[in-house]
Amino acid sequence: MHSINFGMNRYCVPSVISSFTGITTDEAVVVIQSVLKTNREIRGVPVTRIPDCFNELGYSCRKIPHFGSTVFSALLSIKTDGMYMFHVGSPRSSSTHVIGIEIANGNRYLCDNRTKSPIKAAVSARLMQSLLDVFKVERMNKDE
């Protein structure tokens, strides 16, 4: 996971894409606009379309089962190293958020448009946020 390479766009989905791939948030916006077939400013992305955006960049992004209803409980339940995208917020709210998670050698890191760089998840204010979905994000082989 990288520090976010901000361009003009500072919203959460382009930021997480930047953190995982190393591209700028503006480059991420171009991919999102292509996937959504729009030229509008990107402020929000339907969570069901985010995997398509990662796919365009050579990454798989698949929803995985998780245990617990908070960021904290999911962080404890995931044992496999890798990159994950957590979809957080209230299911009753139209305003949700995505955060990037990396698990490496038992350490857990979090990055989003507010932290700007990966931080140890243990010091994050997001630990008790409601968790809606968990996605595993992996670089695809160039042969695929």
C-alpha atoms as a PDB file:
ATOM      1  CA  MET A   1       0.000   0.000   0.000  1.00  0.00           C
ATOM      2  CA  HIS A   2       1.293   3.449  -0.985  1.00  0.00           C
ATOM      3  CA  SER A   3       0.680   6.934   0.340  1.00  0.00           C
ATOM      4  CA  ILE A   4      -2.126   8.481  -1.685  1.00  0.00           C
ATOM      5  CA  ASN A   5      -0.899  10.399  -4.727  1.00  0.00           C
ATOM      6  CA  PHE A   6      -3.447  13.214  -4.718  1.00  0.00           C
ATOM      7  CA  GLY A   7      -4.430  15.158  -7.782  1.00  0.00           C
ATOM      8  CA  MET A   8      -7.470  17.433  -7.764  1.00  0.00           C
ATOM      9  CA  ASN A   9      -9.858  14.685  -6.616  1.00  0.00           C
ATOM     10  CA  ARG A  10      -9.727  13.920  -2.896  1.00  0.00           C
ATOM     11  CA  TYR A  11     -12.718  11.576  -2.504  1.00  0.00           C
ATOM     12  CA  CYS A  12     -12.451   8.120  -0.963  1.00  0.00           C
ATOM     13  CA  VAL A  13     -12.703   5.732  -3.936  1.00  0.00           C
ATOM     14  CA  PRO A  14     -10.045   7.439  -6.094  1.00  0.00           C
ATOM     15  CA  SER A  15      -7.897   7.698  -2.948  1.00  0.00           C
ATOM     16  CA  VAL A  16      -8.087   3.976  -2.154  1.00  0.00           C
ATOM     17  CA  ILE A  17      -7.398   3.116  -5.802  1.00  0.00           C
ATOM     18  CA  SER A  18      -4.345   5.407  -5.648  1.00  0.00           C
ATOM     19  CA  SER A  19      -3.137   3.827  -2.421  1.00  0.00           C
ATOM     20  CA  PHE A  20      -3.345   0.293  -3.836  1.00  0.00           C
ATOM     21  CA  THR A  21      -2.057   0.970  -7.355  1.00  0.00           C
ATOM     22  CA  GLY A  22       0.258   3.973  -7.016  1.00  0.00           C
ATOM     23  CA  ILE A  23      -1.546   6.042  -9.662  1.00  0.00           C
ATOM     24  CA  THR A  24      -2.813   9.553  -8.930  1.00  0.00           C
ATOM     25  CA  THR A  25      -6.366  10.162  -7.797  1.00  0.00           C
ATOM     26  CA  ASP A  26      -6.956  12.016 -11.071  1.00  0.00           C
ATOM     27  CA  GLU A  27      -5.815   8.960 -13.067  1.00  0.00           C
ATOM     28  CA  ALA A  28      -8.175   6.885 -10.943  1.00  0.00           C
ATOM     29  CA  VAL A  29     -11.003   9.288 -11.816  1.00  0.00           C
ATOM     30  CA  VAL A  30     -10.400   8.736 -15.533  1.00  0.00           C
ATOM     31  CA  VAL A  31     -10.749   4.971 -15.001  1.00  0.00           C
ATOM     32  CA  ILE A  32     -13.885   5.431 -12.871  1.00  0.00           C
ATOM     33  CA  GLN A  33     -15.443   7.728 -15.480  1.00  0.00           C
ATOM     34  CA  SER A  34     -14.675   5.163 -18.176  1.00  0.00           C
ATOM     35  CA  VAL A  35     -16.261   2.342 -16.178  1.00  0.00           C
ATOM     36  CA  LEU A  36     -19.318   4.435 -15.302  1.00  0.00           C
ATOM     37  CA  LYS A  37     -19.501   5.888 -18.827  1.00  0.00           C
ATOM     38  CA  THR A  38     -19.744   9.444 -17.555  1.00  0.00           C
ATOM     39  CA  ASN A  39     -17.840  12.712 -17.659  1.00  0.00           C
ATOM     40  CA  ARG A  40     -19.308  13.986 -14.401  1.00  0.00           C
ATOM     41  CA  GLU A  41     -17.161  14.891 -11.408  1.00  0.00           C
ATOM     42  CA  ILE A  42     -16.535  11.817  -9.273  1.00  0.00           C
ATOM     43  CA  ARG A  43     -17.692  12.288  -5.694  1.00  0.00           C
ATOM     44  CA  GLY A  44     -19.178   8.862  -5.101  1.00  0.00           C
ATOM     45  CA  VAL A  45     -19.040   5.494  -6.814  1.00  0.00           C
ATOM     46  CA  PRO A  46     -21.562   2.676  -6.378  1.00  0.00           C
ATOM     47  CA  VAL A  47     -19.696   0.050  -4.364  1.00  0.00           C
ATOM     48  CA  THR A  48     -20.850  -2.614  -6.841  1.00  0.00           C
ATOM     49  CA  ARG A  49     -18.858  -0.846  -9.604  1.00  0.00           C
ATOM     50  CA  ILE A  50     -15.563  -0.459  -7.700  1.00  0.00           C
ATOM     51  CA  PRO A  51     -14.394  -4.004  -8.623  1.00  0.00           C
ATOM     52  CA  ASP A  52     -14.804  -3.051 -12.308  1.00  0.00           C
ATOM     53  CA  CYS A  53     -12.513  -0.056 -11.756  1.00  0.00           C
ATOM     54  CA  PHE A  54      -9.820  -2.210 -10.152  1.00  0.00           C
ATOM     55  CA  ASN A  55     -10.220  -4.751 -12.946  1.00  0.00           C
ATOM     56  CA  GLU A  56      -9.461  -2.066 -15.547  1.00  0.00           C
ATOM     57  CA  LEU A  57      -6.168  -1.482 -13.734  1.00  0.00           C
ATOM     58  CA  GLY A  58      -5.174  -5.155 -13.619  1.00  0.00           C
ATOM     59  CA  TYR A  59      -6.433  -5.965 -10.143  1.00  0.00           C
ATOM     60  CA  SER A  60      -9.091  -8.375  -9.001  1.00  0.00           C
ATOM     61  CA  CYS A  61     -11.447  -7.044  -6.347  1.00  0.00           C
ATOM     62  CA  ARG A  62     -13.855  -9.585  -4.934  1.00  0.00           C
ATOM     63  CA  LYS A  63     -16.252  -9.484  -2.043  1.00  0.00           C
ATOM     64  CA  ILE A  64     -15.283 -11.910   0.713  1.00  0.00           C
ATOM     65  CA  PRO A  65     -17.098 -13.109   3.825  1.00  0.00           C
ATOM     66  CA  HIS A  66     -16.150 -11.347   7.033  1.00  0.00           C
ATOM     67  CA  PHE A  67     -16.918 -11.807  10.687  1.00  0.00           C
ATOM     68  CA  GLY A  68     -18.235  -9.091  12.907  1.00  0.00           C
ATOM     69  CA  SER A  69     -19.987  -5.842  12.277  1.00  0.00           C
ATOM     70  CA  THR A  70     -17.158  -3.364  12.892  1.00  0.00           C
ATOM     71  CA  VAL A  71     -13.824  -2.554  11.296  1.00  0.00           C
ATOM     72  CA  PHE A  72     -12.129  -3.809  14.479  1.00  0.00           C
ATOM     73  CA  SER A  73     -13.821  -7.211  14.466  1.00  0.00           C
ATOM     74  CA  ALA A  74     -13.079  -7.759  10.762  1.00  0.00           C
ATOM     75  CA  LEU A  75      -9.447  -6.758  11.237  1.00  0.00           C
ATOM     76  CA  LEU A  76      -9.122  -9.424  13.920  1.00  0.00           C
ATOM     77  CA  SER A  77     -10.892 -12.101  11.880  1.00  0.00           C
ATOM     78  CA  ILE A  78      -8.835 -11.727   8.673  1.00  0.00           C
ATOM     79  CA  LYS A  79      -5.679 -13.816   8.989  1.00  0.00           C
ATOM     80  CA  THR A  80      -4.399 -13.776   5.390  1.00  0.00           C
ATOM     81  CA  ASP A  81      -1.841 -11.167   4.336  1.00  0.00           C
ATOM     82  CA  GLY A  82      -3.031  -8.964   1.524  1.00  0.00           C
ATOM     83  CA  MET A  83      -4.849  -5.797   0.544  1.00  0.00           C
ATOM     84  CA  TYR A  84      -8.481  -5.306   1.438  1.00  0.00           C
ATOM     85  CA  MET A  85     -11.045  -2.610   0.844  1.00  0.00           C
ATOM     86  CA  PHE A  86     -13.543  -2.078   3.672  1.00  0.00           C
ATOM     87  CA  HIS A  87     -16.904  -0.485   2.858  1.00  0.00           C
ATOM     88  CA  VAL A  88     -18.031   1.304   6.032  1.00  0.00           C
ATOM     89  CA  GLY A  89     -21.025   3.308   7.170  1.00  0.00           C
ATOM     90  CA  SER A  90     -24.653   2.765   7.931  1.00  0.00           C
ATOM     91  CA  PRO A  91     -26.712   0.629   5.547  1.00  0.00           C
ATOM     92  CA  ARG A  92     -29.528   3.157   6.039  1.00  0.00           C
ATOM     93  CA  SER A  93     -27.364   6.090   4.940  1.00  0.00           C
ATOM     94  CA  SER A  94     -26.662   7.176   1.404  1.00  0.00           C
ATOM     95  CA  SER A  95     -23.256   8.344   2.598  1.00  0.00           C
ATOM     96  CA  THR A  96     -20.770   5.514   2.985  1.00  0.00           C
ATOM     97  CA  HIS A  97     -16.989   5.382   2.806  1.00  0.00           C
ATOM     98  CA  VAL A  98     -14.239   3.027   1.657  1.00  0.00           C
ATOM     99  CA  ILE A  99     -10.888   2.512   3.341  1.00  0.00           C
ATOM    100  CA  GLY A 100      -7.828   0.592   2.248  1.00  0.00           C
ATOM    101  CA  ILE A 101      -6.448  -2.084   4.560  1.00  0.00           C
ATOM    102  CA  GLU A 102      -3.196  -3.962   4.263  1.00  0.00           C
ATOM    103  CA  ILE A 103      -2.333  -6.958   6.392  1.00  0.00           C
ATOM    104  CA  ALA A 104       1.358  -7.849   6.296  1.00  0.00           C
ATOM    105  CA  ASN A 105       3.212 -10.164   8.674  1.00  0.00           C
ATOM    106  CA  GLY A 106       0.505  -9.825  11.316  1.00  0.00           C
ATOM    107  CA  ASN A 107       0.489  -6.015  11.135  1.00  0.00           C
ATOM    108  CA  ARG A 108      -2.604  -4.151  10.033  1.00  0.00           C
ATOM    109  CA  TYR A 109      -2.483  -0.828   8.218  1.00  0.00           C
ATOM    110  CA  LEU A 110      -5.242   1.539   7.135  1.00  0.00           C
ATOM    111  CA  CYS A 111      -5.218   4.277   4.501  1.00  0.00           C
ATOM    112  CA  ASP A 112      -7.945   6.565   3.219  1.00  0.00           C
ATOM    113  CA  ASN A 113      -8.383  10.111   2.006  1.00  0.00           C
ATOM    114  CA  ARG A 114      -8.161  11.394   5.576  1.00  0.00           C
ATOM    115  CA  THR A 115      -5.003   9.594   6.742  1.00  0.00           C
ATOM    116  CA  LYS A 116      -3.326  10.160   3.335  1.00  0.00           C
ATOM    117  CA  SER A 117      -0.604   7.609   4.183  1.00  0.00           C
ATOM    118  CA  PRO A 118      -0.854   4.118   5.671  1.00  0.00           C
ATOM    119  CA  ILE A 119      -1.113   4.160   9.463  1.00  0.00           C
ATOM    120  CA  LYS A 120      -1.230   1.334  11.970  1.00  0.00           C
ATOM    121  CA  ALA A 121      -4.888   0.378  12.161  1.00  0.00           C
ATOM    122  CA  ALA A 122      -4.694   0.185  15.958  1.00  0.00           C
ATOM    123  CA  VAL A 123      -4.461   3.992  16.184  1.00  0.00           C
ATOM    124  CA  SER A 124      -7.320   4.666  13.755  1.00  0.00           C
ATOM    125  CA  ALA A 125     -10.512   6.377  14.831  1.00  0.00           C
ATOM    126  CA  ARG A 126     -12.418   4.093  12.409  1.00  0.00           C
ATOM    127  CA  LEU A 127     -12.153   0.868  14.427  1.00  0.00           C
ATOM    128  CA  MET A 128     -15.711   0.987  15.760  1.00  0.00           C
ATOM    129  CA  GLN A 129     -17.322   2.044  12.475  1.00  0.00           C
ATOM    130  CA  SER A 130     -20.005  -0.231  11.085  1.00  0.00           C
ATOM    131  CA  LEU A 131     -18.705  -2.538   8.398  1.00  0.00           C
ATOM    132  CA  LEU A 132     -20.875  -3.216   5.367  1.00  0.00           C
ATOM    133  CA  ASP A 133     -18.610  -5.207   3.024  1.00  0.00           C
ATOM    134  CA  VAL A 134     -15.049  -6.482   2.704  1.00  0.00           C
ATOM    135  CA  PHE A 135     -13.289  -6.877  -0.642  1.00  0.00           C
ATOM    136  CA  LYS A 136      -9.942  -8.570  -1.253  1.00  0.00           C
ATOM    137  CA  VAL A 137      -7.841  -6.685  -3.815  1.00  0.00           C
ATOM    138  CA  GLU A 138      -5.064  -8.555  -5.634  1.00  0.00           C
ATOM    139  CA  ARG A 139      -2.787  -7.771  -8.563  1.00  0.00           C
ATOM    140  CA  MET A 140      -3.685 -10.081 -11.452  1.00  0.00           C
ATOM    141  CA  ASN A 141      -0.958 -11.940 -13.319  1.00  0.00           C
ATOM    142  CA  LYS A 142      -0.005 -10.289 -16.569  1.00  0.00           C
ATOM    143  CA  ASP A 143      -0.930 -13.573 -18.290  1.00  0.00           C
ATOM    144  CA  GLU A 144      -4.585 -13.325 -17.193  1.00  0.00           C
END
